[in-house]
């Protein structure tokens, strides 16, 4: 039931971007309370946040920025 909720929460006109981000974070942490590292849960939250963005142009811009950030993180290691 909770897993179903996280896949259907989207950034719609009823949410501010902050409200939406907090809701996604809350649902992911409820579904995965025993995630071992913050990197795991951070990635889940980021991916779910991205996929739920209502505006396709915004979703594509955020996706590109997230990929760039992940590449930078990989290069640091």
C-alpha atoms as a PDB file:
ATOM      1  CA  UNK A   1       0.000   0.000   0.000  1.00  0.00           C
ATOM      2  CA  UNK A   2       2.733   2.494   0.958  1.00  0.00           C
ATOM      3  CA  UNK A   3       4.832   1.517  -2.074  1.00  0.00           C
ATOM      4  CA  UNK A   4       1.796   2.285  -4.243  1.00  0.00           C
ATOM      5  CA  UNK A   5       1.549   5.754  -2.645  1.00  0.00           C
ATOM      6  CA  UNK A   6       5.142   6.739  -3.398  1.00  0.00           C
ATOM      7  CA  UNK A   7       4.709   5.862  -7.067  1.00  0.00           C
ATOM      8  CA  UNK A   8       1.615   8.026  -7.346  1.00  0.00           C
ATOM      9  CA  UNK A   9       2.657  11.179  -5.500  1.00  0.00           C
ATOM     10  CA  UNK A  10       3.401  13.880  -8.045  1.00  0.00           C
ATOM     11  CA  UNK A  11       4.162  17.574  -7.976  1.00  0.00           C
ATOM     12  CA  UNK A  12       0.751  18.892  -8.832  1.00  0.00           C
ATOM     13  CA  UNK A  13      -0.855  22.274  -8.420  1.00  0.00           C
ATOM     14  CA  UNK A  14      -1.809  21.399  -4.841  1.00  0.00           C
ATOM     15  CA  UNK A  15       1.782  21.139  -3.592  1.00  0.00           C
ATOM     16  CA  UNK A  16       4.524  23.702  -3.313  1.00  0.00           C
ATOM     17  CA  UNK A  17       7.865  22.286  -4.458  1.00  0.00           C
ATOM     18  CA  UNK A  18       8.961  22.139  -0.796  1.00  0.00           C
ATOM     19  CA  UNK A  19       5.764  20.330   0.250  1.00  0.00           C
ATOM     20  CA  UNK A  20       6.223  17.879  -2.594  1.00  0.00           C
ATOM     21  CA  UNK A  21       9.857  17.198  -1.674  1.00  0.00           C
ATOM     22  CA  UNK A  22       8.952  16.647   1.976  1.00  0.00           C
ATOM     23  CA  UNK A  23       6.124  14.258   1.023  1.00  0.00           C
ATOM     24  CA  UNK A  24       8.409  12.216  -1.232  1.00  0.00           C
ATOM     25  CA  UNK A  25      11.073  12.057   1.497  1.00  0.00           C
ATOM     26  CA  UNK A  26       8.530  11.004   4.121  1.00  0.00           C
ATOM     27  CA  UNK A  27       7.041   8.235   1.963  1.00  0.00           C
ATOM     28  CA  UNK A  28      10.411   6.820   0.880  1.00  0.00           C
ATOM     29  CA  UNK A  29      11.657   6.734   4.482  1.00  0.00           C
ATOM     30  CA  UNK A  30       8.449   4.970   5.589  1.00  0.00           C
ATOM     31  CA  UNK A  31       8.865   2.324   2.903  1.00  0.00           C
ATOM     32  CA  UNK A  32      12.613   1.845   3.463  1.00  0.00           C
ATOM     33  CA  UNK A  33      13.209   2.521   7.182  1.00  0.00           C
ATOM     34  CA  UNK A  34      16.282   0.276   7.333  1.00  0.00           C
ATOM     35  CA  UNK A  35      18.255   1.712   4.446  1.00  0.00           C
ATOM     36  CA  UNK A  36      21.866   1.251   5.468  1.00  0.00           C
ATOM     37  CA  UNK A  37      23.490   4.325   3.968  1.00  0.00           C
ATOM     38  CA  UNK A  38      22.211   7.786   3.327  1.00  0.00           C
ATOM     39  CA  UNK A  39      23.432   7.476  -0.277  1.00  0.00           C
ATOM     40  CA  UNK A  40      20.881   4.711  -0.903  1.00  0.00           C
ATOM     41  CA  UNK A  41      17.947   6.623   0.478  1.00  0.00           C
ATOM     42  CA  UNK A  42      19.108   9.899  -1.071  1.00  0.00           C
ATOM     43  CA  UNK A  43      19.148   8.299  -4.509  1.00  0.00           C
ATOM     44  CA  UNK A  44      15.679   6.817  -3.998  1.00  0.00           C
ATOM     45  CA  UNK A  45      14.324  10.193  -2.899  1.00  0.00           C
ATOM     46  CA  UNK A  46      15.971  11.999  -5.806  1.00  0.00           C
ATOM     47  CA  UNK A  47      14.687   9.501  -8.366  1.00  0.00           C
ATOM     48  CA  UNK A  48      11.130   9.557  -7.016  1.00  0.00           C
ATOM     49  CA  UNK A  49      11.176  13.355  -6.770  1.00  0.00           C
ATOM     50  CA  UNK A  50      12.293  13.615 -10.382  1.00  0.00           C
ATOM     51  CA  UNK A  51       9.752  11.148 -11.765  1.00  0.00           C
ATOM     52  CA  UNK A  52       6.877  12.881 -10.005  1.00  0.00           C
ATOM     53  CA  UNK A  53       7.529  16.340 -11.412  1.00  0.00           C
ATOM     54  CA  UNK A  54       4.453  17.356 -13.377  1.00  0.00           C
ATOM     55  CA  UNK A  55       6.169  19.687 -15.846  1.00  0.00           C
ATOM     56  CA  UNK A  56       8.077  17.659 -18.447  1.00  0.00           C
ATOM     57  CA  UNK A  57      10.528  20.460 -19.289  1.00  0.00           C
ATOM     58  CA  UNK A  58      11.377  20.907 -15.617  1.00  0.00           C
ATOM     59  CA  UNK A  59      11.719  17.135 -15.211  1.00  0.00           C
ATOM     60  CA  UNK A  60      14.206  16.994 -18.109  1.00  0.00           C
ATOM     61  CA  UNK A  61      16.248  19.917 -16.731  1.00  0.00           C
ATOM     62  CA  UNK A  62      16.373  18.375 -13.250  1.00  0.00           C
ATOM     63  CA  UNK A  63      17.302  14.967 -14.705  1.00  0.00           C
ATOM     64  CA  UNK A  64      20.215  16.500 -16.639  1.00  0.00           C
ATOM     65  CA  UNK A  65      21.427  18.374 -13.559  1.00  0.00           C
ATOM     66  CA  UNK A  66      21.197  15.224 -11.398  1.00  0.00           C
ATOM     67  CA  UNK A  67      23.191  13.218 -13.953  1.00  0.00           C
ATOM     68  CA  UNK A  68      25.843  15.912 -14.019  1.00  0.00           C
ATOM     69  CA  UNK A  69      26.013  15.915 -10.195  1.00  0.00           C
ATOM     70  CA  UNK A  70      26.372  12.120 -10.138  1.00  0.00           C
ATOM     71  CA  UNK A  71      29.194  12.302 -12.695  1.00  0.00           C
ATOM     72  CA  UNK A  72      31.021  14.859 -10.563  1.00  0.00           C
ATOM     73  CA  UNK A  73      30.596  12.645  -7.486  1.00  0.00           C
ATOM     74  CA  UNK A  74      31.961   9.655  -9.413  1.00  0.00           C
ATOM     75  CA  UNK A  75      34.996  11.639 -10.555  1.00  0.00           C
ATOM     76  CA  UNK A  76      35.783  12.627  -6.946  1.00  0.00           C
ATOM     77  CA  UNK A  77      36.069   8.975  -5.930  1.00  0.00           C
END
